[in-house]
Amino acid sequence: MIRIQTEDFNQQAEYEALRADAPDIGAIVTFTGLVRDFNTVGDNTQEIDTLSLEHYPGMTEKVLSDIIEEAKRRWALSQVRVVHRVGDLHAADQIVFVGVSSAHRGNAFAACEFVMDFLKTQAPFWKKEGGADGSRWVEARESDSSAAAKWNKP
């Protein structure tokens, strides 16, 4: 299940949807990303008031679907849920939810991390931060690319 939306999401409702397969599942792992009130670029930390997210409709859902299908090929999973917000957000707002259910915790932990790592590096989202010193587009981070690259190692 994939949703791209402007409105906030309810973590409890997403969790309950993952539990719908009980008793066939033994683990649910979730990740919720929040908008930070700062960004560090090199040695410079900048305060952030707003984060505006844009995406490529249709293509975003296709990329996320491909990521989920790859996770399902790698691990035995019951469900994968991804909710990602777009539009104008503020510090502490929820931005992304990734939830995975599986019969075994190892599969659920690995798949949740995998989906998030590839979402950060492959899904067509563009972020623009705003603060007291103006606004700027957020560039890709080397740390995100390194996190995704670890999944390609034998």
N, C-alpha and C. Protein backbone atom coordinates (compact mmCIF):
# COMPACT_ATOMS: atom_id res chain seq x y z
N MET A 1 0.85 -1.17 0.00
CA MET A 1 0.00 0.00 0.00
C MET A 1 0.90 1.23 0.00
N ILE A 2 0.63 2.12 -0.91
CA ILE A 2 1.40 3.35 -1.07
C ILE A 2 0.41 4.51 -1.11
N ARG A 3 0.71 5.56 -0.34
CA ARG A 3 -0.08 6.79 -0.41
C ARG A 3 0.87 7.98 -0.42
N ILE A 4 0.64 8.89 -1.34
CA ILE A 4 1.32 10.19 -1.36
C ILE A 4 0.22 11.20 -1.08
N GLN A 5 0.42 12.04 -0.05
CA GLN A 5 -0.67 12.91 0.37
C GLN A 5 -0.15 14.18 1.02
N THR A 6 -1.00 15.19 1.06
CA THR A 6 -0.65 16.44 1.73
C THR A 6 -1.02 16.40 3.21
N GLU A 7 -2.10 15.67 3.53
CA GLU A 7 -2.57 15.65 4.92
C GLU A 7 -1.71 14.73 5.79
N ASP A 8 -1.75 14.98 7.09
CA ASP A 8 -1.01 14.18 8.05
C ASP A 8 -1.57 12.76 8.06
N PHE A 9 -0.83 11.83 8.62
CA PHE A 9 -1.28 10.44 8.74
C PHE A 9 -1.32 10.05 10.20
N ASN A 10 -2.08 9.02 10.49
CA ASN A 10 -2.25 8.52 11.85
C ASN A 10 -1.41 7.26 12.02
N GLN A 11 -0.34 7.35 12.81
CA GLN A 11 0.54 6.21 13.02
C GLN A 11 -0.20 4.99 13.54
N GLN A 12 -1.10 5.20 14.47
CA GLN A 12 -1.84 4.08 15.06
C GLN A 12 -2.70 3.37 14.01
N ALA A 13 -3.35 4.13 13.16
CA ALA A 13 -4.17 3.52 12.11
C ALA A 13 -3.31 2.73 11.13
N GLU A 14 -2.15 3.24 10.81
CA GLU A 14 -1.24 2.51 9.91
C GLU A 14 -0.76 1.22 10.56
N TYR A 15 -0.43 1.30 11.84
CA TYR A 15 -0.01 0.11 12.59
C TYR A 15 -1.13 -0.93 12.63
N GLU A 16 -2.34 -0.49 12.93
CA GLU A 16 -3.48 -1.41 13.00
C GLU A 16 -3.73 -2.08 11.64
N ALA A 17 -3.53 -1.36 10.56
CA ALA A 17 -3.68 -1.97 9.24
C ALA A 17 -2.64 -3.07 9.02
N LEU A 18 -1.43 -2.87 9.53
CA LEU A 18 -0.39 -3.90 9.45
C LEU A 18 -0.74 -5.12 10.29
N ARG A 19 -1.44 -4.92 11.39
CA ARG A 19 -1.84 -6.02 12.28
C ARG A 19 -2.99 -6.85 11.72
N ALA A 20 -3.59 -6.41 10.65
CA ALA A 20 -4.77 -7.08 10.10
C ALA A 20 -4.50 -8.53 9.72
N ASP A 21 -3.24 -8.89 9.48
CA ASP A 21 -2.90 -10.27 9.10
C ASP A 21 -2.68 -11.18 10.30
N ALA A 22 -2.80 -10.66 11.51
CA ALA A 22 -2.59 -11.49 12.71
C ALA A 22 -3.56 -12.65 12.67
N PRO A 23 -3.23 -13.84 13.07
CA PRO A 23 -2.02 -14.26 13.79
C PRO A 23 -0.90 -14.78 12.89
N ASP A 24 -0.95 -14.54 11.59
CA ASP A 24 0.09 -15.02 10.69
C ASP A 24 1.40 -14.25 10.81
N ILE A 25 1.36 -13.10 11.48
CA ILE A 25 2.58 -12.30 11.60
C ILE A 25 3.17 -12.42 13.00
N GLY A 26 4.48 -12.28 13.07
CA GLY A 26 5.17 -12.31 14.35
C GLY A 26 5.89 -11.02 14.65
N ALA A 27 5.92 -10.10 13.67
CA ALA A 27 6.65 -8.84 13.87
C ALA A 27 6.07 -7.74 13.01
N ILE A 28 6.05 -6.56 13.58
CA ILE A 28 5.73 -5.34 12.85
C ILE A 28 6.84 -4.34 13.18
N VAL A 29 7.46 -3.80 12.14
CA VAL A 29 8.48 -2.77 12.32
C VAL A 29 8.02 -1.54 11.57
N THR A 30 8.08 -0.39 12.23
CA THR A 30 7.68 0.86 11.59
C THR A 30 8.78 1.91 11.74
N PHE A 31 8.78 2.83 10.81
CA PHE A 31 9.65 4.00 10.86
C PHE A 31 8.79 5.20 10.53
N THR A 32 8.91 6.24 11.34
CA THR A 32 8.24 7.51 11.06
C THR A 32 9.29 8.60 11.02
N GLY A 33 9.39 9.26 9.89
CA GLY A 33 10.33 10.37 9.74
C GLY A 33 9.64 11.68 10.05
N LEU A 34 10.38 12.57 10.70
CA LEU A 34 9.86 13.88 11.09
C LEU A 34 10.70 14.99 10.45
N VAL A 35 10.09 16.15 10.27
CA VAL A 35 10.81 17.31 9.76
C VAL A 35 11.63 17.88 10.91
N ARG A 36 12.94 18.00 10.66
CA ARG A 36 13.83 18.60 11.68
C ARG A 36 13.78 20.12 11.57
N ASP A 37 14.17 20.78 12.64
CA ASP A 37 14.22 22.25 12.62
C ASP A 37 15.62 22.76 12.29
N PHE A 38 16.46 21.87 11.75
CA PHE A 38 17.80 22.26 11.34
C PHE A 38 18.27 21.33 10.23
N ASN A 39 19.29 21.77 9.53
CA ASN A 39 19.97 20.93 8.55
C ASN A 39 21.45 21.27 8.62
N THR A 40 22.26 20.25 8.63
CA THR A 40 23.71 20.45 8.66
C THR A 40 24.28 20.11 7.30
N VAL A 41 24.94 21.08 6.71
CA VAL A 41 25.61 20.91 5.43
C VAL A 41 27.08 21.22 5.67
N GLY A 42 27.91 20.17 5.63
CA GLY A 42 29.32 20.36 5.95
C GLY A 42 29.45 20.75 7.41
N ASP A 43 30.11 21.87 7.66
CA ASP A 43 30.27 22.37 9.03
C ASP A 43 29.22 23.41 9.39
N ASN A 44 28.28 23.65 8.49
CA ASN A 44 27.31 24.71 8.67
C ASN A 44 25.94 24.13 9.06
N THR A 45 25.41 24.53 10.21
CA THR A 45 24.07 24.13 10.64
C THR A 45 23.13 25.29 10.41
N GLN A 46 22.03 25.02 9.69
CA GLN A 46 21.06 26.05 9.36
C GLN A 46 19.72 25.74 10.00
N GLU A 47 19.08 26.75 10.56
CA GLU A 47 17.75 26.56 11.12
C GLU A 47 16.73 26.47 9.99
N ILE A 48 15.74 25.59 10.18
CA ILE A 48 14.71 25.35 9.17
C ILE A 48 13.35 25.67 9.78
N ASP A 49 12.58 26.49 9.08
CA ASP A 49 11.20 26.79 9.49
C ASP A 49 10.20 25.96 8.71
N THR A 50 10.46 25.81 7.41
CA THR A 50 9.53 25.08 6.54
C THR A 50 10.29 24.10 5.64
N LEU A 51 9.59 23.08 5.24
CA LEU A 51 10.11 22.13 4.27
C LEU A 51 9.00 21.91 3.25
N SER A 52 9.27 22.25 2.01
CA SER A 52 8.29 22.07 0.93
C SER A 52 8.73 20.88 0.10
N LEU A 53 7.81 19.93 -0.10
CA LEU A 53 8.12 18.73 -0.87
C LEU A 53 7.28 18.68 -2.13
N GLU A 54 7.95 18.38 -3.23
CA GLU A 54 7.29 18.17 -4.50
C GLU A 54 7.61 16.75 -4.95
N HIS A 55 6.78 16.23 -5.84
CA HIS A 55 7.05 14.89 -6.37
C HIS A 55 6.54 14.80 -7.80
N TYR A 56 6.86 13.71 -8.44
CA TYR A 56 6.45 13.45 -9.81
C TYR A 56 5.31 12.45 -9.74
N PRO A 57 4.03 12.90 -9.77
CA PRO A 57 2.90 11.99 -9.64
C PRO A 57 2.94 10.87 -10.68
N GLY A 58 2.57 9.70 -10.25
CA GLY A 58 2.59 8.54 -11.12
C GLY A 58 3.95 7.87 -11.09
N MET A 59 5.00 8.61 -11.36
CA MET A 59 6.34 8.04 -11.32
C MET A 59 6.74 7.74 -9.87
N THR A 60 6.38 8.60 -8.95
CA THR A 60 6.73 8.39 -7.54
C THR A 60 6.13 7.08 -7.05
N GLU A 61 4.84 6.87 -7.32
CA GLU A 61 4.18 5.65 -6.90
C GLU A 61 4.80 4.41 -7.55
N LYS A 62 5.19 4.53 -8.82
CA LYS A 62 5.81 3.41 -9.54
C LYS A 62 7.15 3.05 -8.92
N VAL A 63 7.97 4.04 -8.62
CA VAL A 63 9.28 3.78 -7.99
C VAL A 63 9.08 3.14 -6.63
N LEU A 64 8.17 3.66 -5.83
CA LEU A 64 7.92 3.09 -4.51
C LEU A 64 7.39 1.65 -4.63
N SER A 65 6.52 1.40 -5.60
CA SER A 65 6.03 0.05 -5.82
C SER A 65 7.17 -0.90 -6.18
N ASP A 66 8.09 -0.45 -7.02
CA ASP A 66 9.24 -1.27 -7.39
C ASP A 66 10.12 -1.58 -6.17
N ILE A 67 10.30 -0.58 -5.31
CA ILE A 67 11.10 -0.78 -4.10
C ILE A 67 10.44 -1.83 -3.20
N ILE A 68 9.13 -1.72 -3.03
CA ILE A 68 8.39 -2.67 -2.19
C ILE A 68 8.47 -4.08 -2.79
N GLU A 69 8.31 -4.19 -4.10
CA GLU A 69 8.38 -5.50 -4.74
C GLU A 69 9.77 -6.12 -4.56
N GLU A 70 10.81 -5.31 -4.64
CA GLU A 70 12.16 -5.83 -4.40
C GLU A 70 12.31 -6.30 -2.96
N ALA A 71 11.76 -5.56 -2.02
CA ALA A 71 11.81 -5.99 -0.61
C ALA A 71 11.10 -7.32 -0.44
N LYS A 72 9.97 -7.49 -1.10
CA LYS A 72 9.21 -8.74 -1.00
C LYS A 72 9.96 -9.90 -1.65
N ARG A 73 10.78 -9.62 -2.65
CA ARG A 73 11.60 -10.68 -3.25
C ARG A 73 12.71 -11.11 -2.30
N ARG A 74 13.23 -10.16 -1.53
CA ARG A 74 14.37 -10.45 -0.65
C ARG A 74 13.96 -11.09 0.67
N TRP A 75 12.79 -10.72 1.19
CA TRP A 75 12.35 -11.19 2.50
C TRP A 75 10.90 -11.66 2.44
N ALA A 76 10.58 -12.61 3.30
CA ALA A 76 9.20 -13.08 3.42
C ALA A 76 8.41 -12.05 4.22
N LEU A 77 7.55 -11.32 3.55
CA LEU A 77 6.81 -10.22 4.18
C LEU A 77 5.31 -10.44 4.03
N SER A 78 4.57 -9.96 5.01
CA SER A 78 3.11 -9.98 4.90
C SER A 78 2.62 -8.72 4.20
N GLN A 79 2.98 -7.56 4.76
CA GLN A 79 2.54 -6.27 4.22
C GLN A 79 3.66 -5.26 4.28
N VAL A 80 3.60 -4.31 3.36
CA VAL A 80 4.47 -3.13 3.41
C VAL A 80 3.56 -1.94 3.15
N ARG A 81 3.67 -0.94 4.01
CA ARG A 81 2.89 0.29 3.87
C ARG A 81 3.85 1.47 3.83
N VAL A 82 3.64 2.35 2.85
CA VAL A 82 4.44 3.58 2.74
C VAL A 82 3.48 4.74 2.58
N VAL A 83 3.61 5.71 3.46
CA VAL A 83 2.85 6.95 3.37
C VAL A 83 3.88 8.08 3.35
N HIS A 84 3.81 8.93 2.33
CA HIS A 84 4.76 10.05 2.23
C HIS A 84 3.98 11.32 1.97
N ARG A 85 4.30 12.33 2.73
CA ARG A 85 3.62 13.61 2.58
C ARG A 85 4.34 14.50 1.58
N VAL A 86 3.59 15.36 0.94
CA VAL A 86 4.12 16.40 0.06
C VAL A 86 3.44 17.71 0.44
N GLY A 87 3.95 18.79 -0.12
CA GLY A 87 3.40 20.10 0.21
C GLY A 87 4.27 20.79 1.24
N ASP A 88 3.69 21.77 1.93
CA ASP A 88 4.43 22.56 2.91
C ASP A 88 4.30 21.97 4.30
N LEU A 89 5.44 21.69 4.91
CA LEU A 89 5.50 21.12 6.24
C LEU A 89 6.34 22.02 7.15
N HIS A 90 6.23 21.77 8.45
CA HIS A 90 6.95 22.56 9.44
C HIS A 90 7.71 21.63 10.39
N ALA A 91 8.61 22.19 11.15
CA ALA A 91 9.41 21.41 12.09
C ALA A 91 8.51 20.54 12.96
N ALA A 92 8.90 19.28 13.14
CA ALA A 92 8.22 18.27 13.95
C ALA A 92 7.03 17.62 13.25
N ASP A 93 6.67 18.09 12.05
CA ASP A 93 5.60 17.42 11.30
C ASP A 93 6.07 16.04 10.85
N GLN A 94 5.14 15.11 10.78
CA GLN A 94 5.44 13.80 10.21
C GLN A 94 5.58 13.94 8.71
N ILE A 95 6.58 13.27 8.15
CA ILE A 95 6.82 13.37 6.71
C ILE A 95 6.66 12.03 6.02
N VAL A 96 7.08 10.93 6.68
CA VAL A 96 7.04 9.63 6.03
C VAL A 96 6.78 8.52 7.06
N PHE A 97 6.03 7.52 6.62
CA PHE A 97 5.78 6.32 7.42
C PHE A 97 6.11 5.12 6.55
N VAL A 98 6.94 4.23 7.09
CA VAL A 98 7.20 2.94 6.45
C VAL A 98 6.90 1.88 7.49
N GLY A 99 6.04 0.94 7.13
CA GLY A 99 5.69 -0.14 8.05
C GLY A 99 5.75 -1.48 7.33
N VAL A 100 6.29 -2.48 8.03
CA VAL A 100 6.46 -3.81 7.45
C VAL A 100 5.99 -4.84 8.46
N SER A 101 5.22 -5.82 7.99
CA SER A 101 4.85 -6.94 8.85
C SER A 101 5.37 -8.23 8.22
N SER A 102 5.75 -9.16 9.10
CA SER A 102 6.34 -10.41 8.66
C SER A 102 6.17 -11.46 9.75
N ALA A 103 6.37 -12.69 9.39
CA ALA A 103 6.33 -13.76 10.40
C ALA A 103 7.53 -13.67 11.34
N HIS A 104 8.63 -13.05 10.87
CA HIS A 104 9.86 -13.01 11.66
C HIS A 104 10.42 -11.60 11.74
N ARG A 105 10.94 -11.24 12.90
CA ARG A 105 11.41 -9.87 13.13
C ARG A 105 12.59 -9.49 12.25
N GLY A 106 13.50 -10.42 11.97
CA GLY A 106 14.66 -10.10 11.15
C GLY A 106 14.25 -9.61 9.77
N ASN A 107 13.28 -10.30 9.17
CA ASN A 107 12.77 -9.88 7.87
C ASN A 107 12.14 -8.50 7.94
N ALA A 108 11.35 -8.26 8.99
CA ALA A 108 10.66 -6.98 9.12
C ALA A 108 11.64 -5.83 9.33
N PHE A 109 12.64 -6.02 10.20
CA PHE A 109 13.63 -4.97 10.43
C PHE A 109 14.40 -4.67 9.15
N ALA A 110 14.91 -5.71 8.49
CA ALA A 110 15.72 -5.51 7.29
C ALA A 110 14.91 -4.85 6.18
N ALA A 111 13.69 -5.33 5.96
CA ALA A 111 12.87 -4.78 4.89
C ALA A 111 12.50 -3.33 5.14
N CYS A 112 12.18 -2.98 6.38
CA CYS A 112 11.83 -1.60 6.70
C CYS A 112 13.00 -0.66 6.41
N GLU A 113 14.18 -1.06 6.83
CA GLU A 113 15.37 -0.24 6.58
C GLU A 113 15.66 -0.15 5.08
N PHE A 114 15.55 -1.27 4.37
CA PHE A 114 15.77 -1.31 2.94
C PHE A 114 14.83 -0.34 2.22
N VAL A 115 13.54 -0.43 2.52
CA VAL A 115 12.56 0.44 1.87
C VAL A 115 12.89 1.90 2.12
N MET A 116 13.21 2.25 3.36
CA MET A 116 13.52 3.64 3.67
C MET A 116 14.79 4.10 2.96
N ASP A 117 15.83 3.26 2.96
CA ASP A 117 17.09 3.63 2.30
C ASP A 117 16.88 3.90 0.81
N PHE A 118 16.09 3.05 0.14
CA PHE A 118 15.88 3.24 -1.29
C PHE A 118 14.87 4.34 -1.58
N LEU A 119 13.90 4.54 -0.70
CA LEU A 119 12.99 5.67 -0.85
C LEU A 119 13.78 6.97 -0.87
N LYS A 120 14.74 7.09 0.05
CA LYS A 120 15.55 8.33 0.15
C LYS A 120 16.39 8.58 -1.10
N THR A 121 16.81 7.53 -1.79
CA THR A 121 17.74 7.71 -2.90
C THR A 121 17.11 7.55 -4.28
N GLN A 122 15.96 6.88 -4.38
CA GLN A 122 15.40 6.61 -5.70
C GLN A 122 14.05 7.27 -5.99
N ALA A 123 13.26 7.51 -4.97
CA ALA A 123 11.93 8.08 -5.21
C ALA A 123 12.06 9.55 -5.62
N PRO A 124 11.30 9.96 -6.64
CA PRO A 124 11.42 11.33 -7.14
C PRO A 124 10.67 12.35 -6.27
N PHE A 125 11.30 12.68 -5.15
CA PHE A 125 10.83 13.75 -4.27
C PHE A 125 11.87 14.86 -4.29
N TRP A 126 11.42 16.11 -4.27
CA TRP A 126 12.32 17.25 -4.20
C TRP A 126 11.95 18.06 -2.98
N LYS A 127 12.98 18.43 -2.21
CA LYS A 127 12.76 19.15 -0.96
C LYS A 127 13.39 20.54 -1.04
N LYS A 128 12.63 21.50 -0.53
CA LYS A 128 13.11 22.87 -0.45
C LYS A 128 12.93 23.35 0.98
N GLU A 129 14.04 23.70 1.60
CA GLU A 129 14.02 24.18 2.99
C GLU A 129 13.91 25.69 3.03
N GLY A 130 13.19 26.19 4.01
CA GLY A 130 13.06 27.62 4.21
C GLY A 130 13.42 28.00 5.63
N GLY A 131 14.13 29.10 5.77
CA GLY A 131 14.52 29.58 7.10
C GLY A 131 14.78 31.07 7.07
N ALA A 132 15.33 31.58 8.16
CA ALA A 132 15.59 33.01 8.28
C ALA A 132 16.53 33.53 7.20
N ASP A 133 17.41 32.66 6.71
CA ASP A 133 18.39 33.10 5.69
C ASP A 133 17.94 32.77 4.27
N GLY A 134 16.64 32.51 4.07
CA GLY A 134 16.13 32.24 2.74
C GLY A 134 15.77 30.78 2.52
N SER A 135 15.59 30.41 1.27
CA SER A 135 15.23 29.03 0.96
C SER A 135 16.27 28.44 0.03
N ARG A 136 16.36 27.10 0.05
CA ARG A 136 17.33 26.38 -0.78
C ARG A 136 16.82 24.96 -1.02
N TRP A 137 17.13 24.45 -2.21
CA TRP A 137 16.81 23.07 -2.53
C TRP A 137 17.78 22.16 -1.79
N VAL A 138 17.27 21.05 -1.30
CA VAL A 138 18.10 20.09 -0.56
C VAL A 138 18.75 19.14 -1.56
N GLU A 139 20.06 19.04 -1.46
CA GLU A 139 20.80 18.13 -2.34
C GLU A 139 20.86 16.74 -1.71
N ALA A 140 21.09 15.75 -2.57
CA ALA A 140 21.23 14.38 -2.09
C ALA A 140 22.44 14.29 -1.16
N ARG A 141 22.31 13.44 -0.14
CA ARG A 141 23.39 13.25 0.82
C ARG A 141 24.18 12.00 0.50
N GLU A 142 25.48 12.09 0.66
CA GLU A 142 26.33 10.92 0.46
C GLU A 142 25.97 9.82 1.45
N SER A 143 25.58 10.19 2.67
CA SER A 143 25.23 9.18 3.68
C SER A 143 24.00 8.36 3.25
N ASP A 144 23.06 8.99 2.54
CA ASP A 144 21.89 8.26 2.03
C ASP A 144 22.30 7.28 0.93
N SER A 145 23.18 7.74 0.05
CA SER A 145 23.66 6.85 -1.02
C SER A 145 24.45 5.68 -0.45
N SER A 146 25.26 5.93 0.56
CA SER A 146 26.03 4.86 1.20
C SER A 146 25.10 3.85 1.88
N ALA A 147 24.04 4.34 2.50
CA ALA A 147 23.08 3.44 3.16
C ALA A 147 22.41 2.54 2.14
N ALA A 148 22.03 3.08 1.00
CA ALA A 148 21.39 2.26 -0.03
C ALA A 148 22.40 1.30 -0.68
N ALA A 149 23.64 1.74 -0.84
CA ALA A 149 24.65 0.91 -1.50
C ALA A 149 24.96 -0.37 -0.72
N LYS A 150 24.80 -0.34 0.59
CA LYS A 150 25.11 -1.53 1.38
C LYS A 150 24.22 -2.72 1.02
N TRP A 151 23.03 -2.44 0.47
CA TRP A 151 22.11 -3.52 0.10
C TRP A 151 22.52 -4.22 -1.19
N ASN A 152 23.42 -3.61 -1.94
CA ASN A 152 23.88 -4.20 -3.19
C ASN A 152 25.13 -5.05 -3.03
N LYS A 153 25.67 -5.10 -1.84
CA LYS A 153 26.86 -5.91 -1.58
C LYS A 153 26.45 -7.38 -1.41
N PRO A 154 27.31 -8.29 -1.90
CA PRO A 154 26.97 -9.73 -1.78
C PRO A 154 26.95 -10.20 -0.34
